[in-house]
Amino acid sequence: MKASELQAKGAEELRKELESLLKAQFSLRMQKATQQLTNTSQLRKVRRDIARVRTVLAEKAISK
């Protein structure tokens, strides 16, 4: 997901996106702990997407 895509979304959509990403991260962490996760790069991608969403939310909050 690109930052430009996120900037086009509203604050409420971003919060929903953040919530779904946090759930996905939790699920991936549990899979990793039980050694069911085969593609560990997914964790990194989700973590970075979470950071992107939080950054865009912060930018929107500052600009208001």
PDB file of N, CA and C in Angstrom:
ATOM      1  N   MET A   1       0.839  -1.165   0.000  1.00  0.00           N
ATOM      2  CA  MET A   1       0.000   0.000   0.000  1.00  0.00           C
ATOM      3  C   MET A   1       0.891   1.236   0.000  1.00  0.00           C
ATOM      4  N   LYS A   2       0.523   2.196  -0.822  1.00  0.00           N
ATOM      5  CA  LYS A   2       1.328   3.404  -0.972  1.00  0.00           C
ATOM      6  C   LYS A   2       0.775   4.523  -0.096  1.00  0.00           C
ATOM      7  N   ALA A   3       1.658   5.432   0.274  1.00  0.00           N
ATOM      8  CA  ALA A   3       1.255   6.558   1.109  1.00  0.00           C
ATOM      9  C   ALA A   3       0.270   7.452   0.366  1.00  0.00           C
ATOM     10  N   SER A   4       0.421   7.579  -0.940  1.00  0.00           N
ATOM     11  CA  SER A   4      -0.495   8.416  -1.713  1.00  0.00           C
ATOM     12  C   SER A   4      -1.915   7.852  -1.683  1.00  0.00           C
ATOM     13  N   GLU A   5      -2.043   6.534  -1.661  1.00  0.00           N
ATOM     14  CA  GLU A   5      -3.352   5.908  -1.549  1.00  0.00           C
ATOM     15  C   GLU A   5      -3.975   6.218  -0.191  1.00  0.00           C
ATOM     16  N   LEU A   6      -3.152   6.209   0.839  1.00  0.00           N
ATOM     17  CA  LEU A   6      -3.638   6.458   2.189  1.00  0.00           C
ATOM     18  C   LEU A   6      -4.054   7.911   2.379  1.00  0.00           C
ATOM     19  N   GLN A   7      -3.325   8.824   1.752  1.00  0.00           N
ATOM     20  CA  GLN A   7      -3.623  10.245   1.916  1.00  0.00           C
ATOM     21  C   GLN A   7      -4.959  10.606   1.282  1.00  0.00           C
ATOM     22  N   ALA A   8      -5.399   9.813   0.326  1.00  0.00           N
ATOM     23  CA  ALA A   8      -6.675  10.064  -0.334  1.00  0.00           C
ATOM     24  C   ALA A   8      -7.850   9.630   0.535  1.00  0.00           C
ATOM     25  N   LYS A   9      -7.598   8.788   1.535  1.00  0.00           N
ATOM     26  CA  LYS A   9      -8.663   8.288   2.394  1.00  0.00           C
ATOM     27  C   LYS A   9      -8.936   9.261   3.535  1.00  0.00           C
ATOM     28  N   GLY A  10     -10.111   9.134   4.093  1.00  0.00           N
ATOM     29  CA  GLY A  10     -10.498   9.959   5.228  1.00  0.00           C
ATOM     30  C   GLY A  10      -9.963   9.373   6.527  1.00  0.00           C
ATOM     31  N   ALA A  11     -10.094  10.139   7.601  1.00  0.00           N
ATOM     32  CA  ALA A  11      -9.558   9.721   8.892  1.00  0.00           C
ATOM     33  C   ALA A  11     -10.246   8.451   9.401  1.00  0.00           C
ATOM     34  N   GLU A  12     -11.552   8.367   9.220  1.00  0.00           N
ATOM     35  CA  GLU A  12     -12.275   7.190   9.705  1.00  0.00           C
ATOM     36  C   GLU A  12     -11.870   5.936   8.923  1.00  0.00           C
ATOM     37  N   GLU A  13     -11.686   6.059   7.623  1.00  0.00           N
ATOM     38  CA  GLU A  13     -11.232   4.920   6.816  1.00  0.00           C
ATOM     39  C   GLU A  13      -9.842   4.474   7.256  1.00  0.00           C
ATOM     40  N   LEU A  14      -8.999   5.442   7.579  1.00  0.00           N
ATOM     41  CA  LEU A  14      -7.642   5.115   8.021  1.00  0.00           C
ATOM     42  C   LEU A  14      -7.661   4.385   9.358  1.00  0.00           C
ATOM     43  N   ARG A  15      -8.559   4.793  10.242  1.00  0.00           N
ATOM     44  CA  ARG A  15      -8.655   4.102  11.540  1.00  0.00           C
ATOM     45  C   ARG A  15      -9.110   2.658  11.351  1.00  0.00           C
ATOM     46  N   LYS A  16     -10.048   2.449  10.434  1.00  0.00           N
ATOM     47  CA  LYS A  16     -10.505   1.084  10.150  1.00  0.00           C
ATOM     48  C   LYS A  16      -9.380   0.256   9.530  1.00  0.00           C
ATOM     49  N   GLU A  17      -8.630   0.880   8.641  1.00  0.00           N
ATOM     50  CA  GLU A  17      -7.494   0.201   8.013  1.00  0.00           C
ATOM     51  C   GLU A  17      -6.451  -0.171   9.064  1.00  0.00           C
ATOM     52  N   LEU A  18      -6.193   0.747   9.984  1.00  0.00           N
ATOM     53  CA  LEU A  18      -5.230   0.499  11.054  1.00  0.00           C
ATOM     54  C   LEU A  18      -5.690  -0.661  11.930  1.00  0.00           C
ATOM     55  N   GLU A  19      -6.972  -0.686  12.253  1.00  0.00           N
ATOM     56  CA  GLU A  19      -7.509  -1.766  13.077  1.00  0.00           C
ATOM     57  C   GLU A  19      -7.342  -3.118  12.387  1.00  0.00           C
ATOM     58  N   SER A  20      -7.634  -3.174  11.098  1.00  0.00           N
ATOM     59  CA  SER A  20      -7.506  -4.447  10.379  1.00  0.00           C
ATOM     60  C   SER A  20      -6.042  -4.872  10.260  1.00  0.00           C
ATOM     61  N   LEU A  21      -5.146  -3.900  10.096  1.00  0.00           N
ATOM     62  CA  LEU A  21      -3.725  -4.233  10.027  1.00  0.00           C
ATOM     63  C   LEU A  21      -3.206  -4.739  11.364  1.00  0.00           C
ATOM     64  N   LEU A  22      -3.671  -4.153  12.454  1.00  0.00           N
ATOM     65  CA  LEU A  22      -3.245  -4.617  13.778  1.00  0.00           C
ATOM     66  C   LEU A  22      -3.738  -6.031  14.043  1.00  0.00           C
ATOM     67  N   LYS A  23      -4.953  -6.352  13.587  1.00  0.00           N
ATOM     68  CA  LYS A  23      -5.465  -7.722  13.730  1.00  0.00           C
ATOM     69  C   LYS A  23      -4.646  -8.692  12.894  1.00  0.00           C
ATOM     70  N   ALA A  24      -4.291  -8.254  11.684  1.00  0.00           N
ATOM     71  CA  ALA A  24      -3.468  -9.103  10.815  1.00  0.00           C
ATOM     72  C   ALA A  24      -2.100  -9.336  11.434  1.00  0.00           C
ATOM     73  N   GLN A  25      -1.533  -8.290  12.038  1.00  0.00           N
ATOM     74  CA  GLN A  25      -0.227  -8.425  12.676  1.00  0.00           C
ATOM     75  C   GLN A  25      -0.306  -9.418  13.834  1.00  0.00           C
ATOM     76  N   PHE A  26      -1.358  -9.324  14.632  1.00  0.00           N
ATOM     77  CA  PHE A  26      -1.526 -10.251  15.745  1.00  0.00           C
ATOM     78  C   PHE A  26      -1.619 -11.688  15.236  1.00  0.00           C
ATOM     79  N   SER A  27      -2.404 -11.879  14.189  1.00  0.00           N
ATOM     80  CA  SER A  27      -2.568 -13.212  13.610  1.00  0.00           C
ATOM     81  C   SER A  27      -1.233 -13.763  13.108  1.00  0.00           C
ATOM     82  N   LEU A  28      -0.464 -12.907  12.440  1.00  0.00           N
ATOM     83  CA  LEU A  28       0.838 -13.353  11.933  1.00  0.00           C
ATOM     84  C   LEU A  28       1.800 -13.685  13.070  1.00  0.00           C
ATOM     85  N   ARG A  29       1.743 -12.889  14.135  1.00  0.00           N
ATOM     86  CA  ARG A  29       2.617 -13.172  15.281  1.00  0.00           C
ATOM     87  C   ARG A  29       2.273 -14.510  15.928  1.00  0.00           C
ATOM     88  N   MET A  30       0.979 -14.813  16.007  1.00  0.00           N
ATOM     89  CA  MET A  30       0.563 -16.092  16.572  1.00  0.00           C
ATOM     90  C   MET A  30       1.000 -17.246  15.674  1.00  0.00           C
ATOM     91  N   GLN A  31       0.883 -17.044  14.360  1.00  0.00           N
ATOM     92  CA  GLN A  31       1.334 -18.082  13.436  1.00  0.00           C
ATOM     93  C   GLN A  31       2.837 -18.311  13.568  1.00  0.00           C
ATOM     94  N   LYS A  32       3.577 -17.237  13.753  1.00  0.00           N
ATOM     95  CA  LYS A  32       5.019 -17.362  13.902  1.00  0.00           C
ATOM     96  C   LYS A  32       5.365 -18.098  15.196  1.00  0.00           C
ATOM     97  N   ALA A  33       4.652 -17.791  16.259  1.00  0.00           N
ATOM     98  CA  ALA A  33       4.913 -18.417  17.553  1.00  0.00           C
ATOM     99  C   ALA A  33       4.623 -19.906  17.525  1.00  0.00           C
ATOM    100  N   THR A  34       3.621 -20.316  16.743  1.00  0.00           N
ATOM    101  CA  THR A  34       3.284 -21.736  16.654  1.00  0.00           C
ATOM    102  C   THR A  34       3.973 -22.406  15.468  1.00  0.00           C
ATOM    103  N   GLN A  35       4.881 -21.687  14.849  1.00  0.00           N
ATOM    104  CA  GLN A  35       5.685 -22.179  13.725  1.00  0.00           C
ATOM    105  C   GLN A  35       4.822 -22.605  12.540  1.00  0.00           C
ATOM    106  N   GLN A  36       3.725 -21.874  12.297  1.00  0.00           N
ATOM    107  CA  GLN A  36       2.877 -22.137  11.144  1.00  0.00           C
ATOM    108  C   GLN A  36       3.100 -21.124  10.038  1.00  0.00           C
ATOM    109  N   LEU A  37       3.866 -20.075  10.325  1.00  0.00           N
ATOM    110  CA  LEU A  37       4.091 -19.020   9.342  1.00  0.00           C
ATOM    111  C   LEU A  37       5.249 -19.411   8.432  1.00  0.00           C
ATOM    112  N   THR A  38       4.967 -19.493   7.139  1.00  0.00           N
ATOM    113  CA  THR A  38       6.021 -19.877   6.199  1.00  0.00           C
ATOM    114  C   THR A  38       6.688 -18.658   5.580  1.00  0.00           C
ATOM    115  N   ASN A  39       5.914 -17.596   5.340  1.00  0.00           N
ATOM    116  CA  ASN A  39       6.454 -16.397   4.711  1.00  0.00           C
ATOM    117  C   ASN A  39       6.614 -15.315   5.783  1.00  0.00           C
ATOM    118  N   THR A  40       7.778 -15.265   6.400  1.00  0.00           N
ATOM    119  CA  THR A  40       7.997 -14.334   7.507  1.00  0.00           C
ATOM    120  C   THR A  40       8.111 -12.890   7.049  1.00  0.00           C
ATOM    121  N   SER A  41       8.278 -12.653   5.760  1.00  0.00           N
ATOM    122  CA  SER A  41       8.364 -11.272   5.270  1.00  0.00           C
ATOM    123  C   SER A  41       7.024 -10.553   5.389  1.00  0.00           C
ATOM    124  N   GLN A  42       5.948 -11.307   5.555  1.00  0.00           N
ATOM    125  CA  GLN A  42       4.634 -10.691   5.734  1.00  0.00           C
ATOM    126  C   GLN A  42       4.595  -9.835   6.986  1.00  0.00           C
ATOM    127  N   LEU A  43       5.272 -10.262   8.038  1.00  0.00           N
ATOM    128  CA  LEU A  43       5.317  -9.489   9.278  1.00  0.00           C
ATOM    129  C   LEU A  43       5.897  -8.105   9.034  1.00  0.00           C
ATOM    130  N   ARG A  44       6.975  -8.054   8.309  1.00  0.00           N
ATOM    131  CA  ARG A  44       7.633  -6.778   8.020  1.00  0.00           C
ATOM    132  C   ARG A  44       6.732  -5.863   7.185  1.00  0.00           C
ATOM    133  N   LYS A  45       6.073  -6.448   6.187  1.00  0.00           N
ATOM    134  CA  LYS A  45       5.184  -5.652   5.333  1.00  0.00           C
ATOM    135  C   LYS A  45       4.030  -5.057   6.132  1.00  0.00           C
ATOM    136  N   VAL A  46       3.423  -5.870   6.988  1.00  0.00           N
ATOM    137  CA  VAL A  46       2.299  -5.398   7.791  1.00  0.00           C
ATOM    138  C   VAL A  46       2.765  -4.325   8.773  1.00  0.00           C
ATOM    139  N   ARG A  47       3.927  -4.533   9.381  1.00  0.00           N
ATOM    140  CA  ARG A  47       4.446  -3.554  10.334  1.00  0.00           C
ATOM    141  C   ARG A  47       4.702  -2.211   9.662  1.00  0.00           C
ATOM    142  N   ARG A  48       5.215  -2.246   8.466  1.00  0.00           N
ATOM    143  CA  ARG A  48       5.481  -1.007   7.729  1.00  0.00           C
ATOM    144  C   ARG A  48       4.187  -0.337   7.268  1.00  0.00           C
ATOM    145  N   ASP A  49       3.198  -1.140   6.892  1.00  0.00           N
ATOM    146  CA  ASP A  49       1.901  -0.572   6.520  1.00  0.00           C
ATOM    147  C   ASP A  49       1.250   0.123   7.719  1.00  0.00           C
ATOM    148  N   ILE A  50       1.388  -0.489   8.897  1.00  0.00           N
ATOM    149  CA  ILE A  50       0.865   0.132  10.114  1.00  0.00           C
ATOM    150  C   ILE A  50       1.542   1.480  10.336  1.00  0.00           C
ATOM    151  N   ALA A  51       2.851   1.524  10.156  1.00  0.00           N
ATOM    152  CA  ALA A  51       3.590   2.778  10.336  1.00  0.00           C
ATOM    153  C   ALA A  51       3.132   3.825   9.330  1.00  0.00           C
ATOM    154  N   ARG A  52       2.880   3.413   8.095  1.00  0.00           N
ATOM    155  CA  ARG A  52       2.402   4.353   7.082  1.00  0.00           C
ATOM    156  C   ARG A  52       1.050   4.943   7.459  1.00  0.00           C
ATOM    157  N   VAL A  53       0.150   4.088   7.899  1.00  0.00           N
ATOM    158  CA  VAL A  53      -1.188   4.555   8.265  1.00  0.00           C
ATOM    159  C   VAL A  53      -1.100   5.522   9.441  1.00  0.00           C
ATOM    160  N   ARG A  54      -0.307   5.170  10.437  1.00  0.00           N
ATOM    161  CA  ARG A  54      -0.172   6.044  11.607  1.00  0.00           C
ATOM    162  C   ARG A  54       0.453   7.380  11.226  1.00  0.00           C
ATOM    163  N   THR A  55       1.402   7.368  10.308  1.00  0.00           N
ATOM    164  CA  THR A  55       2.039   8.605   9.866  1.00  0.00           C
ATOM    165  C   THR A  55       1.035   9.505   9.157  1.00  0.00           C
ATOM    166  N   VAL A  56       0.239   8.935   8.261  1.00  0.00           N
ATOM    167  CA  VAL A  56      -0.753   9.725   7.535  1.00  0.00           C
ATOM    168  C   VAL A  56      -1.806  10.261   8.501  1.00  0.00           C
ATOM    169  N   LEU A  57      -2.216   9.467   9.480  1.00  0.00           N
ATOM    170  CA  LEU A  57      -3.185   9.936  10.476  1.00  0.00           C
ATOM    171  C   LEU A  57      -2.605  11.117  11.258  1.00  0.00           C
ATOM    172  N   ALA A  58      -1.342  11.033  11.624  1.00  0.00           N
ATOM    173  CA  ALA A  58      -0.687  12.128  12.348  1.00  0.00           C
ATOM    174  C   ALA A  58      -0.600  13.376  11.486  1.00  0.00           C
ATOM    175  N   GLU A  59      -0.288  13.204  10.213  1.00  0.00           N
ATOM    176  CA  GLU A  59      -0.212  14.353   9.301  1.00  0.00           C
ATOM    177  C   GLU A  59      -1.578  15.030   9.181  1.00  0.00           C
ATOM    178  N   LYS A  60      -2.639  14.226   9.089  1.00  0.00           N
ATOM    179  CA  LYS A  60      -3.985  14.792   8.977  1.00  0.00           C
ATOM    180  C   LYS A  60      -4.359  15.526  10.254  1.00  0.00           C
ATOM    181  N   ALA A  61      -3.951  15.000  11.392  1.00  0.00           N
ATOM    182  CA  ALA A  61      -4.273  15.645  12.668  1.00  0.00           C
ATOM    183  C   ALA A  61      -3.545  16.987  12.803  1.00  0.00           C
ATOM    184  N   ILE A  62      -2.326  17.055  12.328  1.00  0.00           N
ATOM    185  CA  ILE A  62      -1.545  18.294  12.415  1.00  0.00           C
ATOM    186  C   ILE A  62      -2.099  19.359  11.480  1.00  0.00           C
ATOM    187  N   SER A  63      -2.524  18.928  10.305  1.00  0.00           N
ATOM    188  CA  SER A  63      -2.983  19.888   9.301  1.00  0.00           C
ATOM    189  C   SER A  63      -4.343  20.508   9.612  1.00  0.00           C
ATOM    190  N   LYS A  64      -5.078  19.919  10.544  1.00  0.00           N
ATOM    191  CA  LYS A  64      -6.413  20.445  10.877  1.00  0.00           C
ATOM    192  C   LYS A  64      -6.349  21.653  11.745  1.00  0.00           C
TER     193      LYS A  64
END
